[in-house]
Amino acid sequence: MSEPNGVVEYLKERVGREADSQAHRAARGIRQWADELASTTGGGEPGSPVDAAVQEIADVGQRAADYLERRGFAGIARDVGEFARKRPVLFAVGAVAVGFVVGRMLKPSQEDTEPAEEP
């Protein structure tokens, strides 16, 4: 009987390692994007609102990458679960909003799926 439990534990550990690997890979991608975005600032007027906004977005990206690297997938899952327990309505609204955005991003545009009309 202990053999199936060993397999389950092995699979849990393997999935956890893969999820952490993906979280670190995502953190590297976000960090690269934030670095590239930050390098675009400074080309305009010093102290311009656009440069300030772009730099703030780059800073948020850096903080997100730090969070992903520090917490890993398991930490993120715990944080999301804790947030959902503390603020279920806000969590549900956020989940619907994220689902809508992801659905719109994944849905092919109508021009790509409909054949062109012939004159």
C-alpha atoms as a PDB file:
ATOM      1  CA  MET A   1       0.000   0.000   0.000  1.00  0.00           C
ATOM      2  CA  SER A   2       2.877   2.383   0.598  1.00  0.00           C
ATOM      3  CA  GLU A   3       3.907   2.203  -3.060  1.00  0.00           C
ATOM      4  CA  PRO A   4       0.943   4.269  -4.399  1.00  0.00           C
ATOM      5  CA  ASN A   5       1.601   6.860  -1.679  1.00  0.00           C
ATOM      6  CA  GLY A   6       5.221   7.025  -2.741  1.00  0.00           C
ATOM      7  CA  VAL A   7       4.197   7.606  -6.349  1.00  0.00           C
ATOM      8  CA  VAL A   8       1.792  10.367  -5.322  1.00  0.00           C
ATOM      9  CA  GLU A   9       4.466  12.050  -3.224  1.00  0.00           C
ATOM     10  CA  TYR A  10       6.973  11.768  -6.060  1.00  0.00           C
ATOM     11  CA  LEU A  11       4.493  13.318  -8.506  1.00  0.00           C
ATOM     12  CA  LYS A  12       3.650  16.157  -6.091  1.00  0.00           C
ATOM     13  CA  GLU A  13       7.335  16.917  -5.638  1.00  0.00           C
ATOM     14  CA  ARG A  14       8.000  16.779  -9.365  1.00  0.00           C
ATOM     15  CA  VAL A  15       5.049  19.045 -10.204  1.00  0.00           C
ATOM     16  CA  GLY A  16       6.143  21.467  -7.475  1.00  0.00           C
ATOM     17  CA  ARG A  17       9.681  21.636  -8.863  1.00  0.00           C
ATOM     18  CA  GLU A  18       8.372  22.214 -12.385  1.00  0.00           C
ATOM     19  CA  ALA A  19       5.983  24.943 -11.189  1.00  0.00           C
ATOM     20  CA  ASP A  20       8.833  26.681  -9.349  1.00  0.00           C
ATOM     21  CA  SER A  21      10.998  26.400 -12.445  1.00  0.00           C
ATOM     22  CA  GLN A  22       8.256  28.029 -14.514  1.00  0.00           C
ATOM     23  CA  ALA A  23       7.829  30.795 -11.911  1.00  0.00           C
ATOM     24  CA  HIS A  24      11.562  31.550 -12.074  1.00  0.00           C
ATOM     25  CA  ARG A  25      11.474  31.489 -15.871  1.00  0.00           C
ATOM     26  CA  ALA A  26       8.551  33.935 -15.809  1.00  0.00           C
ATOM     27  CA  ALA A  27      10.473  36.139 -13.371  1.00  0.00           C
ATOM     28  CA  ARG A  28      13.437  36.266 -15.767  1.00  0.00           C
ATOM     29  CA  GLY A  29      11.131  37.219 -18.640  1.00  0.00           C
ATOM     30  CA  ILE A  30       9.415  39.932 -16.617  1.00  0.00           C
ATOM     31  CA  ARG A  31      12.761  41.280 -15.424  1.00  0.00           C
ATOM     32  CA  GLN A  32      14.087  41.432 -19.000  1.00  0.00           C
ATOM     33  CA  TRP A  33      10.929  43.215 -20.147  1.00  0.00           C
ATOM     34  CA  ALA A  34      11.155  45.691 -17.246  1.00  0.00           C
ATOM     35  CA  ASP A  35      14.843  46.365 -17.960  1.00  0.00           C
ATOM     36  CA  GLU A  36      14.078  47.042 -21.627  1.00  0.00           C
ATOM     37  CA  LEU A  37      11.186  49.297 -20.682  1.00  0.00           C
ATOM     38  CA  ALA A  38      13.324  51.217 -18.186  1.00  0.00           C
ATOM     39  CA  SER A  39      15.997  51.748 -20.844  1.00  0.00           C
ATOM     40  CA  THR A  40      13.453  53.609 -22.982  1.00  0.00           C
ATOM     41  CA  THR A  41      13.046  56.341 -20.370  1.00  0.00           C
ATOM     42  CA  GLY A  42      15.240  59.381 -20.410  1.00  0.00           C
ATOM     43  CA  GLY A  43      14.911  59.976 -24.129  1.00  0.00           C
ATOM     44  CA  GLY A  44      12.219  62.570 -23.654  1.00  0.00           C
ATOM     45  CA  GLU A  45      11.990  65.749 -21.670  1.00  0.00           C
ATOM     46  CA  PRO A  46      13.532  65.376 -18.185  1.00  0.00           C
ATOM     47  CA  GLY A  47      10.828  64.859 -15.588  1.00  0.00           C
ATOM     48  CA  SER A  48       8.101  64.334 -18.184  1.00  0.00           C
ATOM     49  CA  PRO A  49       4.956  62.529 -17.028  1.00  0.00           C
ATOM     50  CA  VAL A  50       5.389  59.894 -19.741  1.00  0.00           C
ATOM     51  CA  ASP A  51       8.933  59.044 -18.615  1.00  0.00           C
ATOM     52  CA  ALA A  52       7.768  58.911 -15.003  1.00  0.00           C
ATOM     53  CA  ALA A  53       4.875  56.572 -15.894  1.00  0.00           C
ATOM     54  CA  VAL A  54       7.098  54.283 -17.969  1.00  0.00           C
ATOM     55  CA  GLN A  55       9.672  54.142 -15.151  1.00  0.00           C
ATOM     56  CA  GLU A  56       6.935  53.315 -12.631  1.00  0.00           C
ATOM     57  CA  ILE A  57       5.682  50.464 -14.830  1.00  0.00           C
ATOM     58  CA  ALA A  58       9.259  49.158 -15.147  1.00  0.00           C
ATOM     59  CA  ASP A  59       9.648  49.340 -11.353  1.00  0.00           C
ATOM     60  CA  VAL A  60       6.426  47.369 -10.870  1.00  0.00           C
ATOM     61  CA  GLY A  61       7.784  44.753 -13.284  1.00  0.00           C
ATOM     62  CA  GLN A  62      11.018  44.512 -11.291  1.00  0.00           C
ATOM     63  CA  ARG A  63       9.072  44.087  -8.038  1.00  0.00           C
ATOM     64  CA  ALA A  64       6.879  41.404  -9.643  1.00  0.00           C
ATOM     65  CA  ALA A  65       9.983  39.532 -10.813  1.00  0.00           C
ATOM     66  CA  ASP A  66      11.507  39.791  -7.321  1.00  0.00           C
ATOM     67  CA  TYR A  67       8.275  38.445  -5.809  1.00  0.00           C
ATOM     68  CA  LEU A  68       8.151  35.492  -8.214  1.00  0.00           C
ATOM     69  CA  GLU A  69      11.776  34.586  -7.522  1.00  0.00           C
ATOM     70  CA  ARG A  70      11.442  34.962  -3.764  1.00  0.00           C
ATOM     71  CA  ARG A  71       8.094  33.184  -3.261  1.00  0.00           C
ATOM     72  CA  GLY A  72       8.044  30.592  -6.030  1.00  0.00           C
ATOM     73  CA  PHE A  73       4.860  28.905  -7.163  1.00  0.00           C
ATOM     74  CA  ALA A  74       3.946  27.417  -3.775  1.00  0.00           C
ATOM     75  CA  GLY A  75       4.254  30.798  -2.068  1.00  0.00           C
ATOM     76  CA  ILE A  76       2.152  32.473  -4.731  1.00  0.00           C
ATOM     77  CA  ALA A  77      -0.528  29.780  -4.399  1.00  0.00           C
ATOM     78  CA  ARG A  78      -0.582  30.271  -0.603  1.00  0.00           C
ATOM     79  CA  ASP A  79      -0.816  34.065  -0.985  1.00  0.00           C
ATOM     80  CA  VAL A  80      -3.667  33.804  -3.508  1.00  0.00           C
ATOM     81  CA  GLY A  81      -5.529  31.336  -1.283  1.00  0.00           C
ATOM     82  CA  GLU A  82      -5.115  33.583   1.740  1.00  0.00           C
ATOM     83  CA  PHE A  83      -6.336  36.612  -0.227  1.00  0.00           C
ATOM     84  CA  ALA A  84      -9.350  34.633  -1.481  1.00  0.00           C
ATOM     85  CA  ARG A  85     -10.279  33.647   2.091  1.00  0.00           C
ATOM     86  CA  LYS A  86      -9.909  37.201   3.415  1.00  0.00           C
ATOM     87  CA  ARG A  87     -11.626  39.023   0.534  1.00  0.00           C
ATOM     88  CA  PRO A  88     -13.751  36.542  -1.422  1.00  0.00           C
ATOM     89  CA  VAL A  89     -15.850  39.109  -3.312  1.00  0.00           C
ATOM     90  CA  LEU A  90     -12.827  41.061  -4.513  1.00  0.00           C
ATOM     91  CA  PHE A  91     -11.111  37.795  -5.444  1.00  0.00           C
ATOM     92  CA  ALA A  92     -14.146  36.667  -7.461  1.00  0.00           C
ATOM     93  CA  VAL A  93     -14.376  40.008  -9.278  1.00  0.00           C
ATOM     94  CA  GLY A  94     -10.649  39.873 -10.042  1.00  0.00           C
ATOM     95  CA  ALA A  95     -10.904  36.290 -11.292  1.00  0.00           C
ATOM     96  CA  VAL A  96     -13.748  37.245 -13.626  1.00  0.00           C
ATOM     97  CA  ALA A  97     -11.782  40.241 -14.914  1.00  0.00           C
ATOM     98  CA  VAL A  98      -8.653  38.158 -15.513  1.00  0.00           C
ATOM     99  CA  GLY A  99     -10.713  35.474 -17.229  1.00  0.00           C
ATOM    100  CA  PHE A 100     -12.294  38.060 -19.491  1.00  0.00           C
ATOM    101  CA  VAL A 101      -8.941  39.589 -20.433  1.00  0.00           C
ATOM    102  CA  VAL A 102      -7.313  36.214 -21.072  1.00  0.00           C
ATOM    103  CA  GLY A 103     -10.337  35.100 -23.091  1.00  0.00           C
ATOM    104  CA  ARG A 104     -10.138  38.221 -25.239  1.00  0.00           C
ATOM    105  CA  MET A 105      -6.412  37.719 -25.769  1.00  0.00           C
ATOM    106  CA  LEU A 106      -6.848  34.090 -26.793  1.00  0.00           C
ATOM    107  CA  LYS A 107      -9.908  34.610 -28.975  1.00  0.00           C
ATOM    108  CA  PRO A 108      -8.924  34.980 -32.617  1.00  0.00           C
ATOM    109  CA  SER A 109     -10.094  38.186 -34.210  1.00  0.00           C
ATOM    110  CA  GLN A 110     -13.066  38.031 -36.554  1.00  0.00           C
ATOM    111  CA  GLU A 111     -10.956  39.159 -39.517  1.00  0.00           C
ATOM    112  CA  ASP A 112      -8.646  36.167 -39.076  1.00  0.00           C
ATOM    113  CA  THR A 113     -11.433  33.597 -38.986  1.00  0.00           C
ATOM    114  CA  GLU A 114     -13.878  34.864 -41.609  1.00  0.00           C
ATOM    115  CA  PRO A 115     -13.109  34.430 -45.302  1.00  0.00           C
ATOM    116  CA  ALA A 116     -12.659  37.640 -47.226  1.00  0.00           C
ATOM    117  CA  GLU A 117     -15.631  38.772 -49.264  1.00  0.00           C
ATOM    118  CA  GLU A 118     -15.208  38.695 -53.002  1.00  0.00           C
ATOM    119  CA  PRO A 119     -16.333  41.807 -54.960  1.00  0.00           C
END
